[in-house]
Amino acid sequence: MTQERKRKSALSPELAKLRSEIVKASKETQGQMGLYMKHIESDKSIAIDADKIFPLGGVFKLAVMVETYRQIDAGMISMDERIELETHHYCIGEGLLQYMQPGLKPTVRDLLAMMIIGTDNTASEMLWKRIGIQRVNMLIRDLGLARTSIYMPYRESFLMSMGYGPYKDLSILEAARKWKGLSDIERMNALNETEREAANLSIEEFRKKYESIYGVRAQKRIKTQRIYDEVFDNFGTPREVGVLLEKIVRHDVVSPKACEMMLSLLMRQQSAASMSYLISPEIPVALKSGDTAFSVANAGVIYVSSNSHVVLCCFFRNVQEGQNAVLAEAKIASLVYDFFSRIKS
């Protein structure tokens, strides 16, 4: 019997019913789901392909946030430190910073808010390069999250998909095959080469070139970039991302004050990919969402009550065009909340 089947057979009748309802909701969209759910206070959990690796999309920003707060706690940087917006920071996609002029100097506090609340890609680029790209993966390893890999800044990811960097003469399929065989050091060298090559690329030209390939609303992306996104992204498992969230709730990653500040930011996330929209706005949900051309990821903590918290990580990959994986994840989040709201704690 597999570990998955052993866990399933060990569920109580009530949890088994919830699991069945979750699976049913997941079938409403085509794609492969991975799910990890844990009620922190009771230790009740459900895992469905929770140890398989999925693209994280914007969920990677959780780790950038944690490492930033860890360095703040260690006195390595300050909340009030100002970081100057320069040409090599600009990233297209989500966020308003890409529309600001070079020379703007937001604080670390500002950048954390923009990265988490507004899912700002330029803010995450600025923070990540300030704290050190390698440091984020070192944090992940220190926490024992062996299958999670977070090393790909969005700016470089977009640029490589546009033909910048060492693989400009390769097809997407050839570049993906090449990338899979590289060591971490070789990948960092490739990212550095890409960054150097595009260091002076203005955001206007960046956006224009991307739109000429993928369309103004990236409408061509799902047809041409699926293979690319399967390889050139940050990756993790639902269980390991859930463990990271639980450590934040339990104040096990940095100081209690910093953990509460992180959760407060996550409760304010604004994203069209959020799985919490079928839950009443009165119920706090500390959440980070993300998507790629073929995947949707949601990782959050549902505050059922002041003494009842549920970690829920629901990821979909290989989502077919036109399928609404966000709706499926929202229905699952609602099922989970309804289940634990009926349990007295």
C-alpha atoms as a PDB file:
ATOM      1  CA  MET A   1       0.000   0.000   0.000  1.00  0.00           C
ATOM      2  CA  THR A   2       1.350   3.422  -0.963  1.00  0.00           C
ATOM      3  CA  GLN A   3       1.863   6.181   1.607  1.00  0.00           C
ATOM      4  CA  GLU A   4      -0.989   8.118  -0.013  1.00  0.00           C
ATOM      5  CA  ARG A   5      -3.376   5.183   0.396  1.00  0.00           C
ATOM      6  CA  LYS A   6      -2.225   4.566   3.966  1.00  0.00           C
ATOM      7  CA  ARG A   7      -2.979   8.184   4.864  1.00  0.00           C
ATOM      8  CA  LYS A   8      -6.358   7.982   3.128  1.00  0.00           C
ATOM      9  CA  SER A   9      -7.330   4.773   4.951  1.00  0.00           C
ATOM     10  CA  ALA A  10      -6.343   6.337   8.281  1.00  0.00           C
ATOM     11  CA  LEU A  11      -8.763   9.241   7.919  1.00  0.00           C
ATOM     12  CA  SER A  12     -11.789   9.499  10.176  1.00  0.00           C
ATOM     13  CA  PRO A  13     -15.165   9.095   8.420  1.00  0.00           C
ATOM     14  CA  GLU A  14     -15.732  12.861   8.631  1.00  0.00           C
ATOM     15  CA  LEU A  15     -12.324  13.713   7.119  1.00  0.00           C
ATOM     16  CA  ALA A  16     -12.759  11.002   4.501  1.00  0.00           C
ATOM     17  CA  LYS A  17     -16.017  12.652   3.453  1.00  0.00           C
ATOM     18  CA  LEU A  18     -14.294  16.053   3.245  1.00  0.00           C
ATOM     19  CA  ARG A  19     -11.527  14.502   1.163  1.00  0.00           C
ATOM     20  CA  SER A  20     -14.118  13.033  -1.201  1.00  0.00           C
ATOM     21  CA  GLU A  21     -15.804  16.434  -1.566  1.00  0.00           C
ATOM     22  CA  ILE A  22     -12.434  18.049  -2.292  1.00  0.00           C
ATOM     23  CA  VAL A  23     -11.642  15.508  -4.997  1.00  0.00           C
ATOM     24  CA  LYS A  24     -15.088  16.046  -6.527  1.00  0.00           C
ATOM     25  CA  ALA A  25     -14.552  19.818  -6.628  1.00  0.00           C
ATOM     26  CA  SER A  26     -11.126  19.344  -8.211  1.00  0.00           C
ATOM     27  CA  LYS A  27     -12.684  17.369 -11.088  1.00  0.00           C
ATOM     28  CA  GLU A  28     -14.568  20.463 -12.206  1.00  0.00           C
ATOM     29  CA  THR A  29     -11.405  21.605 -13.961  1.00  0.00           C
ATOM     30  CA  GLN A  30      -8.972  19.644 -16.067  1.00  0.00           C
ATOM     31  CA  GLY A  31      -5.509  19.511 -14.617  1.00  0.00           C
ATOM     32  CA  GLN A  32      -3.526  17.768 -11.929  1.00  0.00           C
ATOM     33  CA  MET A  33      -4.155  18.871  -8.356  1.00  0.00           C
ATOM     34  CA  GLY A  34      -1.840  18.660  -5.380  1.00  0.00           C
ATOM     35  CA  LEU A  35      -3.265  19.519  -1.964  1.00  0.00           C
ATOM     36  CA  TYR A  36      -2.062  19.706   1.612  1.00  0.00           C
ATOM     37  CA  MET A  37      -4.443  20.692   4.386  1.00  0.00           C
ATOM     38  CA  LYS A  38      -3.715  20.721   8.107  1.00  0.00           C
ATOM     39  CA  HIS A  39      -5.757  21.968  11.030  1.00  0.00           C
ATOM     40  CA  ILE A  40      -2.975  23.230  13.257  1.00  0.00           C
ATOM     41  CA  GLU A  41      -4.660  22.849  16.633  1.00  0.00           C
ATOM     42  CA  SER A  42      -6.011  19.309  16.124  1.00  0.00           C
ATOM     43  CA  ASP A  43      -3.331  18.006  13.739  1.00  0.00           C
ATOM     44  CA  LYS A  44      -6.040  16.714  11.391  1.00  0.00           C
ATOM     45  CA  SER A  45      -4.762  16.654   7.839  1.00  0.00           C
ATOM     46  CA  ILE A  46      -5.513  15.653   4.263  1.00  0.00           C
ATOM     47  CA  ALA A  47      -2.853  15.114   1.620  1.00  0.00           C
ATOM     48  CA  ILE A  48      -3.552  14.514  -2.067  1.00  0.00           C
ATOM     49  CA  ASP A  49      -0.403  14.266  -4.175  1.00  0.00           C
ATOM     50  CA  ALA A  50       1.035  16.640  -1.582  1.00  0.00           C
ATOM     51  CA  ASP A  51       4.645  15.602  -2.220  1.00  0.00           C
ATOM     52  CA  LYS A  52       4.612  16.144  -5.968  1.00  0.00           C
ATOM     53  CA  ILE A  53       6.404  19.164  -7.361  1.00  0.00           C
ATOM     54  CA  PHE A  54       4.375  22.046  -8.802  1.00  0.00           C
ATOM     55  CA  PRO A  55       5.244  25.471 -10.259  1.00  0.00           C
ATOM     56  CA  LEU A  56       4.793  28.090  -7.553  1.00  0.00           C
ATOM     57  CA  GLY A  57       4.110  31.192  -9.631  1.00  0.00           C
ATOM     58  CA  GLY A  58       3.905  34.153  -7.229  1.00  0.00           C
ATOM     59  CA  VAL A  59       3.826  31.843  -4.175  1.00  0.00           C
ATOM     60  CA  PHE A  60       7.639  31.963  -4.278  1.00  0.00           C
ATOM     61  CA  LYS A  61       7.343  35.444  -2.752  1.00  0.00           C
ATOM     62  CA  LEU A  62       6.533  33.786   0.584  1.00  0.00           C
ATOM     63  CA  ALA A  63      10.146  32.654   0.867  1.00  0.00           C
ATOM     64  CA  VAL A  64      11.506  36.046  -0.231  1.00  0.00           C
ATOM     65  CA  MET A  65       9.357  37.650   2.483  1.00  0.00           C
ATOM     66  CA  VAL A  66      10.515  35.217   5.190  1.00  0.00           C
ATOM     67  CA  GLU A  67      14.204  35.678   4.342  1.00  0.00           C
ATOM     68  CA  THR A  68      13.759  39.467   4.301  1.00  0.00           C
ATOM     69  CA  TYR A  69      12.251  39.406   7.801  1.00  0.00           C
ATOM     70  CA  ARG A  70      14.956  37.004   8.959  1.00  0.00           C
ATOM     71  CA  GLN A  71      17.617  39.493   7.857  1.00  0.00           C
ATOM     72  CA  ILE A  72      15.709  42.337   9.499  1.00  0.00           C
ATOM     73  CA  ASP A  73      15.617  40.394  12.775  1.00  0.00           C
ATOM     74  CA  ALA A  74      19.355  39.700  12.425  1.00  0.00           C
ATOM     75  CA  GLY A  75      20.111  43.398  11.920  1.00  0.00           C
ATOM     76  CA  MET A  76      21.446  42.810   8.394  1.00  0.00           C
ATOM     77  CA  ILE A  77      18.944  45.219   6.871  1.00  0.00           C
ATOM     78  CA  SER A  78      16.362  47.644   8.203  1.00  0.00           C
ATOM     79  CA  MET A  79      12.679  48.187   7.513  1.00  0.00           C
ATOM     80  CA  ASP A  80      13.491  51.825   6.849  1.00  0.00           C
ATOM     81  CA  GLU A  81      16.382  51.181   4.475  1.00  0.00           C
ATOM     82  CA  ARG A  82      15.697  52.718   1.085  1.00  0.00           C
ATOM     83  CA  ILE A  83      16.495  50.865  -2.135  1.00  0.00           C
ATOM     84  CA  GLU A  84      16.804  52.873  -5.322  1.00  0.00           C
ATOM     85  CA  LEU A  85      14.751  51.727  -8.307  1.00  0.00           C
ATOM     86  CA  GLU A  86      17.167  51.177 -11.195  1.00  0.00           C
ATOM     87  CA  THR A  87      16.773  50.009 -14.783  1.00  0.00           C
ATOM     88  CA  HIS A  88      17.940  46.469 -14.003  1.00  0.00           C
ATOM     89  CA  HIS A  89      15.142  46.053 -11.419  1.00  0.00           C
ATOM     90  CA  TYR A  90      12.172  46.579 -13.718  1.00  0.00           C
ATOM     91  CA  CYS A  91       9.875  43.629 -14.329  1.00  0.00           C
ATOM     92  CA  ILE A  92       6.679  43.387 -16.345  1.00  0.00           C
ATOM     93  CA  GLY A  93       3.551  41.566 -15.183  1.00  0.00           C
ATOM     94  CA  GLU A  94       1.923  42.400 -11.860  1.00  0.00           C
ATOM     95  CA  GLY A  95       2.534  45.603  -9.957  1.00  0.00           C
ATOM     96  CA  LEU A  96       2.724  49.390 -10.240  1.00  0.00           C
ATOM     97  CA  LEU A  97       6.445  49.947  -9.653  1.00  0.00           C
ATOM     98  CA  GLN A  98       7.184  49.152 -13.305  1.00  0.00           C
ATOM     99  CA  TYR A  99       5.394  52.402 -14.205  1.00  0.00           C
ATOM    100  CA  MET A 100       7.499  54.553 -11.850  1.00  0.00           C
ATOM    101  CA  GLN A 101      10.573  56.528 -12.883  1.00  0.00           C
ATOM    102  CA  PRO A 102      14.108  55.325 -12.039  1.00  0.00           C
ATOM    103  CA  GLY A 103      15.499  56.954  -8.920  1.00  0.00           C
ATOM    104  CA  LEU A 104      12.459  56.285  -6.721  1.00  0.00           C
ATOM    105  CA  LYS A 105      13.635  55.042  -3.316  1.00  0.00           C
ATOM    106  CA  PRO A 106      10.978  52.936  -1.555  1.00  0.00           C
ATOM    107  CA  THR A 107      11.804  51.476   1.839  1.00  0.00           C
ATOM    108  CA  VAL A 108      12.117  47.769   2.553  1.00  0.00           C
ATOM    109  CA  ARG A 109       8.785  48.108   4.369  1.00  0.00           C
ATOM    110  CA  ASP A 110       7.231  49.620   1.228  1.00  0.00           C
ATOM    111  CA  LEU A 111       8.617  46.852  -0.982  1.00  0.00           C
ATOM    112  CA  LEU A 112       7.329  44.092   1.298  1.00  0.00           C
ATOM    113  CA  ALA A 113       3.839  45.596   1.165  1.00  0.00           C
ATOM    114  CA  MET A 114       3.934  45.979  -2.614  1.00  0.00           C
ATOM    115  CA  MET A 115       5.314  42.472  -3.138  1.00  0.00           C
ATOM    116  CA  ILE A 116       2.745  40.718  -0.939  1.00  0.00           C
ATOM    117  CA  ILE A 117      -0.368  42.908  -1.068  1.00  0.00           C
ATOM    118  CA  GLY A 118      -0.025  44.015  -4.686  1.00  0.00           C
ATOM    119  CA  THR A 119       1.982  40.980  -5.914  1.00  0.00           C
ATOM    120  CA  ASP A 120       4.421  43.478  -7.440  1.00  0.00           C
ATOM    121  CA  ASN A 121       7.099  41.738  -9.511  1.00  0.00           C
ATOM    122  CA  THR A 122       9.473  44.712  -9.565  1.00  0.00           C
ATOM    123  CA  ALA A 123       9.264  44.957  -5.766  1.00  0.00           C
ATOM    124  CA  SER A 124      10.174  41.278  -5.396  1.00  0.00           C
ATOM    125  CA  GLU A 125      13.080  41.804  -7.803  1.00  0.00           C
ATOM    126  CA  MET A 126      14.413  44.705  -5.731  1.00  0.00           C
ATOM    127  CA  LEU A 127      14.078  42.877  -2.428  1.00  0.00           C
ATOM    128  CA  TRP A 128      15.452  39.581  -3.681  1.00  0.00           C
ATOM    129  CA  LYS A 129      18.566  41.182  -5.116  1.00  0.00           C
ATOM    130  CA  ARG A 130      19.089  43.134  -1.917  1.00  0.00           C
ATOM    131  CA  ILE A 131      18.893  40.096   0.388  1.00  0.00           C
ATOM    132  CA  GLY A 132      20.665  37.736  -2.033  1.00  0.00           C
ATOM    133  CA  ILE A 133      19.101  35.208  -4.373  1.00  0.00           C
ATOM    134  CA  GLN A 134      21.171  32.352  -2.930  1.00  0.00           C
ATOM    135  CA  ARG A 135      20.108  33.240   0.621  1.00  0.00           C
ATOM    136  CA  VAL A 136      16.483  32.355  -0.098  1.00  0.00           C
ATOM    137  CA  ASN A 137      17.364  28.807  -1.128  1.00  0.00           C
ATOM    138  CA  MET A 138      19.690  28.515   1.877  1.00  0.00           C
ATOM    139  CA  LEU A 139      16.724  29.406   4.099  1.00  0.00           C
ATOM    140  CA  ILE A 140      14.589  26.756   2.372  1.00  0.00           C
ATOM    141  CA  ARG A 141      17.262  24.116   3.003  1.00  0.00           C
ATOM    142  CA  ASP A 142      17.746  25.210   6.628  1.00  0.00           C
ATOM    143  CA  LEU A 143      14.009  24.645   7.161  1.00  0.00           C
ATOM    144  CA  GLY A 144      14.329  21.112   5.778  1.00  0.00           C
ATOM    145  CA  LEU A 145      12.240  21.748   2.672  1.00  0.00           C
ATOM    146  CA  ALA A 146      14.241  19.465   0.408  1.00  0.00           C
ATOM    147  CA  ARG A 147      11.958  19.449  -2.638  1.00  0.00           C
ATOM    148  CA  THR A 148      11.341  23.195  -2.859  1.00  0.00           C
ATOM    149  CA  SER A 149      13.587  25.199  -5.173  1.00  0.00           C
ATOM    150  CA  ILE A 150      13.358  28.998  -5.309  1.00  0.00           C
ATOM    151  CA  TYR A 151      16.054  30.634  -7.417  1.00  0.00           C
ATOM    152  CA  MET A 152      14.319  32.168 -10.474  1.00  0.00           C
ATOM    153  CA  PRO A 153      13.575  35.930 -10.298  1.00  0.00           C
ATOM    154  CA  TYR A 154      10.634  36.906 -12.486  1.00  0.00           C
ATOM    155  CA  ARG A 155      12.598  39.524 -14.444  1.00  0.00           C
ATOM    156  CA  GLU A 156      15.136  36.966 -15.622  1.00  0.00           C
ATOM    157  CA  SER A 157      12.404  34.402 -16.255  1.00  0.00           C
ATOM    158  CA  PHE A 158      10.523  36.808 -18.529  1.00  0.00           C
ATOM    159  CA  LEU A 159      13.728  37.833 -20.292  1.00  0.00           C
ATOM    160  CA  MET A 160      14.817  34.257 -20.968  1.00  0.00           C
ATOM    161  CA  SER A 161      11.383  33.507 -22.412  1.00  0.00           C
ATOM    162  CA  MET A 162      11.968  36.426 -24.786  1.00  0.00           C
ATOM    163  CA  GLY A 163      15.314  35.133 -26.069  1.00  0.00           C
ATOM    164  CA  TYR A 164      17.792  36.846 -23.750  1.00  0.00           C
ATOM    165  CA  GLY A 165      20.605  34.947 -22.077  1.00  0.00           C
ATOM    166  CA  PRO A 166      22.647  31.899 -23.074  1.00  0.00           C
ATOM    167  CA  TYR A 167      19.809  30.017 -24.807  1.00  0.00           C
ATOM    168  CA  LYS A 168      18.753  32.608 -27.352  1.00  0.00           C
ATOM    169  CA  ASP A 169      19.682  30.312 -30.255  1.00  0.00           C
ATOM    170  CA  LEU A 170      17.716  27.344 -28.885  1.00  0.00           C
ATOM    171  CA  SER A 171      14.047  26.505 -29.238  1.00  0.00           C
ATOM    172  CA  ILE A 172      11.948  26.593 -26.045  1.00  0.00           C
ATOM    173  CA  LEU A 173      12.007  22.781 -25.972  1.00  0.00           C
ATOM    174  CA  GLU A 174      15.794  22.671 -26.428  1.00  0.00           C
ATOM    175  CA  ALA A 175      16.313  25.359 -23.779  1.00  0.00           C
ATOM    176  CA  ALA A 176      14.068  23.482 -21.323  1.00  0.00           C
ATOM    177  CA  ARG A 177      15.988  20.250 -21.898  1.00  0.00           C
ATOM    178  CA  LYS A 178      19.293  22.065 -21.403  1.00  0.00           C
ATOM    179  CA  TRP A 179      18.105  23.802 -18.234  1.00  0.00           C
ATOM    180  CA  LYS A 180      16.977  20.559 -16.611  1.00  0.00           C
ATOM    181  CA  GLY A 181      20.499  19.184 -16.783  1.00  0.00           C
ATOM    182  CA  LEU A 182      22.260  22.161 -15.181  1.00  0.00           C
ATOM    183  CA  SER A 183      23.630  22.355 -11.658  1.00  0.00           C
ATOM    184  CA  ASP A 184      22.534  25.175  -9.329  1.00  0.00           C
ATOM    185  CA  ILE A 185      25.803  27.023  -9.997  1.00  0.00           C
ATOM    186  CA  GLU A 186      25.361  26.709 -13.763  1.00  0.00           C
ATOM    187  CA  ARG A 187      21.815  28.021 -13.458  1.00  0.00           C
ATOM    188  CA  MET A 188      22.983  31.017 -11.448  1.00  0.00           C
ATOM    189  CA  ASN A 189      25.604  31.721 -14.114  1.00  0.00           C
ATOM    190  CA  ALA A 190      22.887  31.607 -16.789  1.00  0.00           C
ATOM    191  CA  LEU A 191      20.708  34.006 -14.789  1.00  0.00           C
ATOM    192  CA  ASN A 192      23.649  36.375 -14.274  1.00  0.00           C
ATOM    193  CA  GLU A 193      24.404  36.318 -18.005  1.00  0.00           C
ATOM    194  CA  THR A 194      20.781  37.126 -18.769  1.00  0.00           C
ATOM    195  CA  GLU A 195      20.797  39.995 -16.287  1.00  0.00           C
ATOM    196  CA  ARG A 196      24.002  41.455 -17.706  1.00  0.00           C
ATOM    197  CA  GLU A 197      22.737  41.251 -21.275  1.00  0.00           C
ATOM    198  CA  ALA A 198      19.523  43.123 -20.439  1.00  0.00           C
ATOM    199  CA  ALA A 199      20.936  45.473 -17.792  1.00  0.00           C
ATOM    200  CA  ASN A 200      20.208  48.593 -19.853  1.00  0.00           C
ATOM    201  CA  LEU A 201      16.875  47.469 -21.291  1.00  0.00           C
ATOM    202  CA  SER A 202      14.267  50.114 -20.544  1.00  0.00           C
ATOM    203  CA  ILE A 203      10.937  48.988 -19.138  1.00  0.00           C
ATOM    204  CA  GLU A 204       9.193  50.432 -22.192  1.00  0.00           C
ATOM    205  CA  GLU A 205      11.291  48.316 -24.548  1.00  0.00           C
ATOM    206  CA  PHE A 206      10.969  45.323 -22.210  1.00  0.00           C
ATOM    207  CA  ARG A 207       7.173  45.555 -22.340  1.00  0.00           C
ATOM    208  CA  LYS A 208       7.084  46.224 -26.089  1.00  0.00           C
ATOM    209  CA  LYS A 209       9.220  43.191 -26.915  1.00  0.00           C
ATOM    210  CA  TYR A 210       7.244  40.905 -24.623  1.00  0.00           C
ATOM    211  CA  GLU A 211       3.905  42.041 -26.060  1.00  0.00           C
ATOM    212  CA  SER A 212       5.175  41.541 -29.624  1.00  0.00           C
ATOM    213  CA  ILE A 213       5.751  37.870 -28.751  1.00  0.00           C
ATOM    214  CA  TYR A 214       2.899  37.054 -26.368  1.00  0.00           C
ATOM    215  CA  GLY A 215       0.294  39.753 -26.942  1.00  0.00           C
ATOM    216  CA  VAL A 216      -0.757  42.811 -24.948  1.00  0.00           C
ATOM    217  CA  ARG A 217      -2.587  40.643 -22.421  1.00  0.00           C
ATOM    218  CA  ALA A 218      -0.230  37.682 -22.834  1.00  0.00           C
ATOM    219  CA  GLN A 219      -3.058  35.930 -24.655  1.00  0.00           C
ATOM    220  CA  LYS A 220      -0.604  33.940 -26.808  1.00  0.00           C
ATOM    221  CA  ARG A 221       1.386  32.776 -23.801  1.00  0.00           C
ATOM    222  CA  ILE A 222      -0.581  29.666 -22.924  1.00  0.00           C
ATOM    223  CA  LYS A 223      -0.075  28.314 -26.456  1.00  0.00           C
ATOM    224  CA  THR A 224       3.642  29.060 -26.776  1.00  0.00           C
ATOM    225  CA  GLN A 225       5.037  29.119 -23.261  1.00  0.00           C
ATOM    226  CA  ARG A 226       3.572  26.033 -21.583  1.00  0.00           C
ATOM    227  CA  ILE A 227       6.775  24.024 -22.026  1.00  0.00           C
ATOM    228  CA  TYR A 228       8.814  26.997 -20.827  1.00  0.00           C
ATOM    229  CA  ASP A 229       6.778  27.438 -17.644  1.00  0.00           C
ATOM    230  CA  GLU A 230       7.082  23.728 -16.856  1.00  0.00           C
ATOM    231  CA  VAL A 231      10.818  24.254 -16.392  1.00  0.00           C
ATOM    232  CA  PHE A 232      11.698  27.935 -15.912  1.00  0.00           C
ATOM    233  CA  ASP A 233       9.888  28.721 -12.674  1.00  0.00           C
ATOM    234  CA  ASN A 234      10.251  28.253  -8.935  1.00  0.00           C
ATOM    235  CA  PHE A 235       8.961  24.924  -7.695  1.00  0.00           C
ATOM    236  CA  GLY A 236       7.725  23.330  -4.486  1.00  0.00           C
ATOM    237  CA  THR A 237       5.323  20.794  -3.065  1.00  0.00           C
ATOM    238  CA  PRO A 238       1.992  21.571  -1.373  1.00  0.00           C
ATOM    239  CA  ARG A 239       3.201  19.896   1.828  1.00  0.00           C
ATOM    240  CA  GLU A 240       6.474  21.817   2.046  1.00  0.00           C
ATOM    241  CA  VAL A 241       4.845  25.180   1.375  1.00  0.00           C
ATOM    242  CA  GLY A 242       2.256  24.220   4.010  1.00  0.00           C
ATOM    243  CA  VAL A 243       5.048  23.463   6.471  1.00  0.00           C
ATOM    244  CA  LEU A 244       6.507  26.911   5.834  1.00  0.00           C
ATOM    245  CA  LEU A 245       3.141  28.551   6.532  1.00  0.00           C
ATOM    246  CA  GLU A 246       2.655  26.517   9.702  1.00  0.00           C
ATOM    247  CA  LYS A 247       6.096  27.606  10.913  1.00  0.00           C
ATOM    248  CA  ILE A 248       5.054  31.226  10.397  1.00  0.00           C
ATOM    249  CA  VAL A 249       1.810  30.688  12.345  1.00  0.00           C
ATOM    250  CA  ARG A 250       3.734  28.949  15.147  1.00  0.00           C
ATOM    251  CA  HIS A 251       6.394  31.710  15.140  1.00  0.00           C
ATOM    252  CA  ASP A 252       9.108  29.173  14.314  1.00  0.00           C
ATOM    253  CA  VAL A 253      10.880  30.939  11.439  1.00  0.00           C
ATOM    254  CA  VAL A 254      11.656  34.373  12.885  1.00  0.00           C
ATOM    255  CA  SER A 255      10.546  36.418  15.889  1.00  0.00           C
ATOM    256  CA  PRO A 256       6.869  36.330  16.928  1.00  0.00           C
ATOM    257  CA  LYS A 257       6.520  40.007  16.027  1.00  0.00           C
ATOM    258  CA  ALA A 258       7.917  39.440  12.533  1.00  0.00           C
ATOM    259  CA  CYS A 259       5.713  36.380  11.986  1.00  0.00           C
ATOM    260  CA  GLU A 260       2.614  38.363  12.918  1.00  0.00           C
ATOM    261  CA  MET A 261       3.663  41.165  10.569  1.00  0.00           C
ATOM    262  CA  MET A 262       4.015  38.650   7.738  1.00  0.00           C
ATOM    263  CA  LEU A 263       0.587  37.167   8.411  1.00  0.00           C
ATOM    264  CA  SER A 264      -0.914  40.659   8.520  1.00  0.00           C
ATOM    265  CA  LEU A 265       0.510  41.406   5.057  1.00  0.00           C
ATOM    266  CA  LEU A 266      -0.755  38.094   3.679  1.00  0.00           C
ATOM    267  CA  MET A 267      -4.271  38.866   4.917  1.00  0.00           C
ATOM    268  CA  ARG A 268      -4.294  41.914   2.648  1.00  0.00           C
ATOM    269  CA  GLN A 269      -3.205  40.234  -0.582  1.00  0.00           C
ATOM    270  CA  GLN A 270      -5.049  41.495  -3.654  1.00  0.00           C
ATOM    271  CA  SER A 271      -5.006  38.940  -6.456  1.00  0.00           C
ATOM    272  CA  ALA A 272      -7.408  37.705  -9.102  1.00  0.00           C
ATOM    273  CA  ALA A 273      -6.046  34.204  -8.461  1.00  0.00           C
ATOM    274  CA  SER A 274      -7.119  34.172  -4.805  1.00  0.00           C
ATOM    275  CA  MET A 275      -8.863  31.011  -3.565  1.00  0.00           C
ATOM    276  CA  SER A 276     -10.556  32.852  -0.699  1.00  0.00           C
ATOM    277  CA  TYR A 277     -13.284  34.710  -2.605  1.00  0.00           C
ATOM    278  CA  LEU A 278     -16.050  32.233  -1.723  1.00  0.00           C
ATOM    279  CA  ILE A 279     -15.281  32.618   1.984  1.00  0.00           C
ATOM    280  CA  SER A 280     -16.918  35.521   3.811  1.00  0.00           C
ATOM    281  CA  PRO A 281     -14.723  38.675   3.811  1.00  0.00           C
ATOM    282  CA  GLU A 282     -15.173  38.696   7.599  1.00  0.00           C
ATOM    283  CA  ILE A 283     -13.044  35.538   7.841  1.00  0.00           C
ATOM    284  CA  PRO A 284      -9.309  36.378   7.769  1.00  0.00           C
ATOM    285  CA  VAL A 285      -7.262  34.390   5.282  1.00  0.00           C
ATOM    286  CA  ALA A 286      -3.487  34.888   5.161  1.00  0.00           C
ATOM    287  CA  LEU A 287      -2.822  34.010   1.541  1.00  0.00           C
ATOM    288  CA  LYS A 288      -0.338  34.073  -1.320  1.00  0.00           C
ATOM    289  CA  SER A 289      -1.479  33.203  -4.824  1.00  0.00           C
ATOM    290  CA  GLY A 290       0.276  32.738  -8.122  1.00  0.00           C
ATOM    291  CA  ASP A 291      -0.190  31.433 -11.629  1.00  0.00           C
ATOM    292  CA  THR A 292       1.732  30.647 -14.795  1.00  0.00           C
ATOM    293  CA  ALA A 293       0.599  29.876 -18.338  1.00  0.00           C
ATOM    294  CA  PHE A 294      -0.655  26.464 -17.242  1.00  0.00           C
ATOM    295  CA  SER A 295      -0.826  26.401 -13.441  1.00  0.00           C
ATOM    296  CA  VAL A 296      -2.525  28.034 -10.466  1.00  0.00           C
ATOM    297  CA  ALA A 297      -1.173  27.929  -6.908  1.00  0.00           C
ATOM    298  CA  ASN A 298      -2.745  29.077  -3.650  1.00  0.00           C
ATOM    299  CA  ALA A 299      -1.135  28.774  -0.227  1.00  0.00           C
ATOM    300  CA  GLY A 300      -2.851  30.170   2.833  1.00  0.00           C
ATOM    301  CA  VAL A 301      -3.966  30.017   6.414  1.00  0.00           C
ATOM    302  CA  ILE A 302      -7.698  30.183   7.083  1.00  0.00           C
ATOM    303  CA  TYR A 303      -8.539  31.746  10.456  1.00  0.00           C
ATOM    304  CA  VAL A 304     -11.640  29.734  11.310  1.00  0.00           C
ATOM    305  CA  SER A 305     -11.591  31.404  14.732  1.00  0.00           C
ATOM    306  CA  SER A 306      -9.039  32.947  17.079  1.00  0.00           C
ATOM    307  CA  ASN A 307      -7.995  29.470  18.183  1.00  0.00           C
ATOM    308  CA  SER A 308      -8.632  27.470  15.027  1.00  0.00           C
ATOM    309  CA  HIS A 309      -6.315  27.738  12.026  1.00  0.00           C
ATOM    310  CA  VAL A 310      -6.181  25.678   8.841  1.00  0.00           C
ATOM    311  CA  VAL A 311      -3.188  25.620   6.518  1.00  0.00           C
ATOM    312  CA  LEU A 312      -4.387  24.970   2.971  1.00  0.00           C
ATOM    313  CA  CYS A 313      -2.109  24.648  -0.059  1.00  0.00           C
ATOM    314  CA  CYS A 314      -3.936  23.823  -3.276  1.00  0.00           C
ATOM    315  CA  PHE A 315      -1.949  23.715  -6.511  1.00  0.00           C
ATOM    316  CA  PHE A 316      -3.051  22.849 -10.057  1.00  0.00           C
ATOM    317  CA  ARG A 317      -0.779  22.181 -13.027  1.00  0.00           C
ATOM    318  CA  ASN A 318      -1.402  21.195 -16.654  1.00  0.00           C
ATOM    319  CA  VAL A 319      -4.549  23.319 -16.588  1.00  0.00           C
ATOM    320  CA  GLN A 320      -6.268  23.361 -19.955  1.00  0.00           C
ATOM    321  CA  GLU A 321      -7.041  26.643 -21.695  1.00  0.00           C
ATOM    322  CA  GLY A 322     -10.401  28.016 -20.647  1.00  0.00           C
ATOM    323  CA  GLN A 323     -10.505  25.949 -17.439  1.00  0.00           C
ATOM    324  CA  ASN A 324     -11.135  27.867 -14.209  1.00  0.00           C
ATOM    325  CA  ALA A 325      -8.787  26.320 -11.681  1.00  0.00           C
ATOM    326  CA  VAL A 326      -9.182  29.343  -9.385  1.00  0.00           C
ATOM    327  CA  LEU A 327     -12.894  28.566  -9.017  1.00  0.00           C
ATOM    328  CA  ALA A 328     -12.091  24.945  -8.145  1.00  0.00           C
ATOM    329  CA  GLU A 329      -9.593  26.078  -5.518  1.00  0.00           C
ATOM    330  CA  ALA A 330     -12.095  28.580  -4.110  1.00  0.00           C
ATOM    331  CA  LYS A 331     -14.728  25.840  -3.769  1.00  0.00           C
ATOM    332  CA  ILE A 332     -12.186  23.651  -1.983  1.00  0.00           C
ATOM    333  CA  ALA A 333     -11.248  26.479   0.404  1.00  0.00           C
ATOM    334  CA  SER A 334     -14.939  27.039   1.153  1.00  0.00           C
ATOM    335  CA  LEU A 335     -15.449  23.302   1.845  1.00  0.00           C
ATOM    336  CA  VAL A 336     -12.505  23.295   4.238  1.00  0.00           C
ATOM    337  CA  TYR A 337     -13.696  26.385   6.083  1.00  0.00           C
ATOM    338  CA  ASP A 338     -17.258  25.049   6.383  1.00  0.00           C
ATOM    339  CA  PHE A 339     -15.992  21.730   7.734  1.00  0.00           C
ATOM    340  CA  PHE A 340     -13.839  23.211  10.502  1.00  0.00           C
ATOM    341  CA  SER A 341     -16.304  25.980  11.356  1.00  0.00           C
ATOM    342  CA  ARG A 342     -18.700  23.235  12.514  1.00  0.00           C
ATOM    343  CA  ILE A 343     -16.113  21.805  14.918  1.00  0.00           C
ATOM    344  CA  LYS A 344     -16.041  23.279  18.390  1.00  0.00           C
ATOM    345  CA  SER A 345     -12.529  24.169  19.440  1.00  0.00           C
END
